[in-house]
């Protein structure tokens, strides 16, 4: 998939919806699967999308930022940080235990 958006900016809502729908579909079809995400430098666009996935799966935004920055120093600028702080999850990536889904993520 190719979802371009401006470098240093938060993603448009259409891209967020497409991204989360892709993850939900992929993880429901194949719970053990892996999804890779990248951008040019790996400091803004990709980390923001990963943060959104972590937040939607139940992680607090502060914990998602800290986790990503442990893996990728310098990730997520102040404009993107503000976007993530104000983002309100709809829990679109929460799976019920009875389906044997586990929220697993692998960060770059």
N, C-alpha and C. Protein backbone atom coordinates (compact mmCIF):
# COMPACT_ATOMS: atom_id res chain seq x y z
N UNK A 1 0.85 -1.16 0.00
CA UNK A 1 0.00 0.00 0.00
C UNK A 1 0.90 1.23 0.00
N UNK A 2 0.45 2.26 -0.63
CA UNK A 2 1.19 3.52 -0.66
C UNK A 2 0.24 4.64 -0.28
N UNK A 3 0.46 5.21 0.90
CA UNK A 3 -0.40 6.27 1.42
C UNK A 3 0.44 7.50 1.70
N UNK A 4 0.72 8.29 0.70
CA UNK A 4 1.56 9.47 0.93
C UNK A 4 0.82 10.57 1.71
N UNK A 5 1.57 11.18 2.60
CA UNK A 5 1.10 12.41 3.25
C UNK A 5 2.33 13.23 3.60
N UNK A 6 2.11 14.50 3.87
CA UNK A 6 3.22 15.45 4.03
C UNK A 6 4.17 15.04 5.15
N UNK A 7 5.47 15.15 4.84
CA UNK A 7 6.51 14.87 5.82
C UNK A 7 6.36 15.82 7.00
N UNK A 8 6.44 15.28 8.21
CA UNK A 8 6.33 16.10 9.41
C UNK A 8 4.93 16.39 9.86
N UNK A 9 3.95 15.98 9.08
CA UNK A 9 2.55 16.25 9.40
C UNK A 9 1.87 14.99 9.93
N UNK A 10 0.77 15.17 10.65
CA UNK A 10 -0.03 14.00 11.02
C UNK A 10 -0.76 13.47 9.80
N UNK A 11 -1.14 12.21 9.82
CA UNK A 11 -1.84 11.64 8.66
C UNK A 11 -3.27 12.15 8.54
N UNK A 12 -3.75 12.28 7.31
CA UNK A 12 -5.17 12.62 7.11
C UNK A 12 -6.06 11.48 7.62
N UNK A 13 -7.28 11.80 8.00
CA UNK A 13 -8.18 10.80 8.58
C UNK A 13 -8.44 9.63 7.63
N UNK A 14 -8.48 9.87 6.34
CA UNK A 14 -8.69 8.78 5.37
C UNK A 14 -7.56 7.76 5.45
N UNK A 15 -6.32 8.24 5.58
CA UNK A 15 -5.18 7.33 5.70
C UNK A 15 -5.23 6.58 7.02
N UNK A 16 -5.61 7.25 8.10
CA UNK A 16 -5.74 6.59 9.40
C UNK A 16 -6.78 5.47 9.30
N UNK A 17 -7.93 5.77 8.72
CA UNK A 17 -8.98 4.75 8.57
C UNK A 17 -8.50 3.59 7.71
N UNK A 18 -7.86 3.88 6.58
CA UNK A 18 -7.36 2.82 5.70
C UNK A 18 -6.30 1.97 6.40
N UNK A 19 -5.41 2.62 7.14
CA UNK A 19 -4.34 1.93 7.87
C UNK A 19 -4.93 0.99 8.93
N UNK A 20 -5.83 1.49 9.73
CA UNK A 20 -6.40 0.66 10.79
C UNK A 20 -7.28 -0.44 10.23
N UNK A 21 -7.99 -0.17 9.15
CA UNK A 21 -8.78 -1.22 8.50
C UNK A 21 -7.89 -2.31 7.93
N UNK A 22 -6.77 -1.93 7.34
CA UNK A 22 -5.82 -2.91 6.83
C UNK A 22 -5.32 -3.81 7.96
N UNK A 23 -4.92 -3.20 9.08
CA UNK A 23 -4.42 -3.98 10.20
C UNK A 23 -5.48 -4.90 10.78
N UNK A 24 -6.68 -4.39 10.95
CA UNK A 24 -7.75 -5.22 11.50
C UNK A 24 -8.04 -6.41 10.59
N UNK A 25 -8.14 -6.15 9.31
CA UNK A 25 -8.39 -7.23 8.35
C UNK A 25 -7.25 -8.25 8.36
N UNK A 26 -6.03 -7.76 8.29
CA UNK A 26 -4.86 -8.64 8.25
C UNK A 26 -4.76 -9.49 9.50
N UNK A 27 -4.91 -8.87 10.68
CA UNK A 27 -4.75 -9.62 11.92
C UNK A 27 -5.93 -10.54 12.21
N UNK A 28 -7.12 -10.24 11.67
CA UNK A 28 -8.25 -11.16 11.82
C UNK A 28 -8.08 -12.36 10.90
N UNK A 29 -7.60 -12.13 9.69
CA UNK A 29 -7.40 -13.21 8.73
C UNK A 29 -6.23 -14.10 9.13
N UNK A 30 -5.18 -13.50 9.65
CA UNK A 30 -3.96 -14.23 9.98
C UNK A 30 -3.36 -13.65 11.26
N UNK A 31 -3.86 -14.08 12.43
CA UNK A 31 -3.46 -13.47 13.70
C UNK A 31 -1.96 -13.47 13.98
N UNK A 32 -1.21 -14.36 13.43
CA UNK A 32 0.23 -14.41 13.67
C UNK A 32 1.04 -13.61 12.67
N UNK A 33 0.37 -12.87 11.82
CA UNK A 33 1.06 -12.18 10.73
C UNK A 33 1.81 -10.94 11.20
N UNK A 34 2.59 -10.41 10.29
CA UNK A 34 3.40 -9.22 10.56
C UNK A 34 3.13 -8.20 9.46
N UNK A 35 3.08 -6.94 9.84
CA UNK A 35 2.89 -5.85 8.88
C UNK A 35 4.06 -4.89 9.04
N UNK A 36 4.70 -4.56 7.95
CA UNK A 36 5.81 -3.60 7.97
C UNK A 36 5.31 -2.24 7.51
N UNK A 37 5.86 -1.20 8.10
CA UNK A 37 5.50 0.16 7.71
C UNK A 37 6.79 0.97 7.64
N UNK A 38 6.89 1.80 6.61
CA UNK A 38 8.10 2.61 6.49
C UNK A 38 7.80 3.93 5.81
N UNK A 39 8.70 4.86 6.03
CA UNK A 39 8.68 6.14 5.32
C UNK A 39 10.13 6.44 4.96
N UNK A 40 10.41 7.58 4.41
CA UNK A 40 11.75 7.88 3.91
C UNK A 40 12.81 7.77 5.00
N UNK A 41 12.65 8.52 6.09
CA UNK A 41 13.68 8.53 7.14
C UNK A 41 13.29 7.68 8.35
N UNK A 42 12.05 7.30 8.45
CA UNK A 42 11.61 6.50 9.58
C UNK A 42 11.49 7.28 10.88
N UNK A 43 11.30 8.59 10.79
CA UNK A 43 11.22 9.42 11.98
C UNK A 43 9.85 10.04 12.22
N UNK A 44 9.00 10.09 11.23
CA UNK A 44 7.73 10.79 11.39
C UNK A 44 6.52 9.99 10.97
N UNK A 45 6.37 9.82 9.69
CA UNK A 45 5.14 9.22 9.17
C UNK A 45 4.97 7.77 9.63
N UNK A 46 5.97 6.95 9.47
CA UNK A 46 5.86 5.54 9.90
C UNK A 46 5.65 5.43 11.41
N UNK A 47 6.46 6.13 12.23
CA UNK A 47 6.23 6.03 13.67
C UNK A 47 4.85 6.51 14.11
N UNK A 48 4.30 7.52 13.46
CA UNK A 48 2.96 7.99 13.82
C UNK A 48 1.93 6.90 13.52
N UNK A 49 2.05 6.25 12.39
CA UNK A 49 1.11 5.18 12.06
C UNK A 49 1.24 4.02 13.05
N UNK A 50 2.47 3.69 13.41
CA UNK A 50 2.68 2.63 14.41
C UNK A 50 2.08 3.05 15.75
N UNK A 51 2.29 4.30 16.14
CA UNK A 51 1.72 4.79 17.40
C UNK A 51 0.20 4.67 17.38
N UNK A 52 -0.42 5.02 16.26
CA UNK A 52 -1.88 4.90 16.16
C UNK A 52 -2.32 3.45 16.35
N UNK A 53 -1.59 2.52 15.77
CA UNK A 53 -1.92 1.11 15.92
C UNK A 53 -1.79 0.68 17.39
N UNK A 54 -0.74 1.12 18.05
CA UNK A 54 -0.55 0.78 19.45
C UNK A 54 -1.65 1.39 20.32
N UNK A 55 -1.99 2.63 20.05
CA UNK A 55 -3.06 3.31 20.80
C UNK A 55 -4.39 2.61 20.57
N UNK A 56 -4.69 2.27 19.33
CA UNK A 56 -5.96 1.59 19.02
C UNK A 56 -6.01 0.19 19.63
N UNK A 57 -4.86 -0.41 19.90
CA UNK A 57 -4.86 -1.74 20.51
C UNK A 57 -4.88 -1.67 22.03
N UNK A 58 -4.91 -0.44 22.59
CA UNK A 58 -5.09 -0.30 24.02
C UNK A 58 -3.97 0.39 24.78
N UNK A 59 -2.88 0.73 24.13
CA UNK A 59 -1.76 1.38 24.80
C UNK A 59 -2.05 2.87 24.97
N UNK A 60 -1.63 3.44 26.08
CA UNK A 60 -1.75 4.89 26.28
C UNK A 60 -0.80 5.59 25.32
N UNK A 61 -1.18 6.77 24.87
CA UNK A 61 -0.37 7.45 23.87
C UNK A 61 1.03 7.74 24.40
N UNK A 62 1.17 8.07 25.68
CA UNK A 62 2.49 8.35 26.25
C UNK A 62 3.38 7.12 26.19
N UNK A 63 2.79 5.96 26.50
CA UNK A 63 3.55 4.71 26.47
C UNK A 63 3.93 4.34 25.04
N UNK A 64 3.03 4.59 24.10
CA UNK A 64 3.33 4.30 22.70
C UNK A 64 4.50 5.16 22.21
N UNK A 65 4.49 6.44 22.54
CA UNK A 65 5.57 7.35 22.15
C UNK A 65 6.89 6.89 22.75
N UNK A 66 6.87 6.60 24.05
CA UNK A 66 8.09 6.17 24.72
C UNK A 66 8.63 4.88 24.11
N UNK A 67 7.75 3.93 23.85
CA UNK A 67 8.15 2.66 23.27
C UNK A 67 8.79 2.86 21.90
N UNK A 68 8.15 3.66 21.08
CA UNK A 68 8.68 3.90 19.73
C UNK A 68 10.01 4.64 19.80
N UNK A 69 10.12 5.63 20.65
CA UNK A 69 11.36 6.39 20.76
C UNK A 69 12.50 5.57 21.33
N UNK A 70 12.20 4.54 22.09
CA UNK A 70 13.25 3.62 22.55
C UNK A 70 13.84 2.86 21.37
N UNK A 71 13.00 2.58 20.39
CA UNK A 71 13.44 1.83 19.21
C UNK A 71 14.00 2.74 18.12
N UNK A 72 13.49 3.99 18.06
CA UNK A 72 13.87 4.92 16.99
C UNK A 72 14.01 6.32 17.58
N UNK A 73 15.23 6.64 17.99
CA UNK A 73 15.48 7.96 18.57
C UNK A 73 15.12 9.07 17.61
N UNK A 74 14.52 10.11 18.14
CA UNK A 74 14.16 11.26 17.32
C UNK A 74 12.83 11.12 16.60
N UNK A 75 12.16 9.99 16.82
CA UNK A 75 10.88 9.76 16.14
C UNK A 75 9.80 10.69 16.67
N UNK A 76 8.94 11.14 15.80
CA UNK A 76 7.72 11.88 16.08
C UNK A 76 8.03 13.31 16.53
N UNK A 77 7.73 14.25 15.64
CA UNK A 77 7.98 15.67 15.95
C UNK A 77 6.86 16.25 16.81
N UNK A 78 7.00 17.52 17.18
CA UNK A 78 6.04 18.14 18.11
C UNK A 78 4.63 18.24 17.52
N UNK A 79 4.51 18.51 16.23
CA UNK A 79 3.18 18.59 15.60
C UNK A 79 2.51 17.21 15.64
N UNK A 80 3.28 16.17 15.35
CA UNK A 80 2.74 14.82 15.38
C UNK A 80 2.43 14.37 16.81
N UNK A 81 3.27 14.80 17.75
CA UNK A 81 3.04 14.48 19.16
C UNK A 81 1.72 15.09 19.64
N UNK A 82 1.47 16.34 19.27
CA UNK A 82 0.22 17.00 19.63
C UNK A 82 -0.97 16.26 19.02
N UNK A 83 -0.83 15.83 17.77
CA UNK A 83 -1.88 15.07 17.11
C UNK A 83 -2.18 13.78 17.88
N UNK A 84 -1.14 13.06 18.27
CA UNK A 84 -1.32 11.80 18.99
C UNK A 84 -1.92 12.04 20.38
N UNK A 85 -1.53 13.12 21.01
CA UNK A 85 -2.07 13.46 22.33
C UNK A 85 -3.57 13.71 22.26
N UNK A 86 -4.02 14.35 21.19
CA UNK A 86 -5.44 14.68 21.03
C UNK A 86 -6.24 13.55 20.39
N UNK A 87 -5.56 12.56 19.83
CA UNK A 87 -6.23 11.45 19.14
C UNK A 87 -7.08 10.66 20.15
N UNK A 88 -8.30 10.38 19.77
CA UNK A 88 -9.20 9.59 20.61
C UNK A 88 -9.45 8.24 19.95
N UNK A 89 -8.90 7.18 20.54
CA UNK A 89 -9.05 5.85 19.92
C UNK A 89 -10.49 5.34 19.98
N UNK A 90 -10.79 4.52 19.01
CA UNK A 90 -12.10 3.88 18.95
C UNK A 90 -11.96 2.38 19.23
N UNK A 91 -10.76 1.99 19.68
CA UNK A 91 -10.44 0.60 20.02
C UNK A 91 -10.70 -0.34 18.85
N UNK A 92 -10.30 0.12 17.66
CA UNK A 92 -10.55 -0.67 16.46
C UNK A 92 -9.63 -1.88 16.33
N UNK A 93 -8.58 -1.93 17.14
CA UNK A 93 -7.65 -3.06 17.06
C UNK A 93 -7.64 -3.89 18.34
N UNK A 94 -8.70 -3.84 19.09
CA UNK A 94 -8.81 -4.66 20.29
C UNK A 94 -9.52 -5.94 19.90
N UNK A 95 -8.92 -7.06 20.23
CA UNK A 95 -9.50 -8.36 19.89
C UNK A 95 -9.93 -9.06 21.16
N UNK A 96 -11.03 -9.74 21.09
CA UNK A 96 -11.54 -10.46 22.25
C UNK A 96 -10.71 -11.72 22.46
N UNK A 97 -10.47 -12.04 23.73
CA UNK A 97 -9.63 -13.19 24.09
C UNK A 97 -10.20 -14.51 23.57
N UNK A 98 -11.52 -14.61 23.50
CA UNK A 98 -12.09 -15.89 23.08
C UNK A 98 -11.76 -16.22 21.63
N UNK A 99 -11.28 -15.25 20.87
CA UNK A 99 -10.87 -15.53 19.49
C UNK A 99 -9.38 -15.89 19.42
N UNK A 100 -8.74 -15.97 20.59
CA UNK A 100 -7.32 -16.30 20.69
C UNK A 100 -6.42 -15.30 19.99
N UNK A 101 -6.85 -14.07 19.86
CA UNK A 101 -6.01 -13.01 19.31
C UNK A 101 -5.21 -12.40 20.43
N UNK A 102 -3.99 -12.11 20.15
CA UNK A 102 -3.16 -11.41 21.12
C UNK A 102 -2.65 -10.16 20.44
N UNK A 103 -2.63 -9.07 21.20
CA UNK A 103 -2.12 -7.82 20.66
C UNK A 103 -0.60 -7.87 20.68
N UNK A 104 -0.01 -8.17 19.55
CA UNK A 104 1.43 -8.24 19.43
C UNK A 104 1.87 -7.22 18.40
N UNK A 105 2.96 -6.57 18.68
CA UNK A 105 3.51 -5.63 17.72
C UNK A 105 5.01 -5.79 17.64
N UNK A 106 5.52 -5.54 16.50
CA UNK A 106 6.96 -5.52 16.30
C UNK A 106 7.30 -4.17 15.69
N UNK A 107 8.17 -3.44 16.31
CA UNK A 107 8.53 -2.11 15.83
C UNK A 107 9.89 -2.17 15.18
N UNK A 108 9.98 -1.62 13.98
CA UNK A 108 11.18 -1.52 13.17
C UNK A 108 12.43 -1.89 13.90
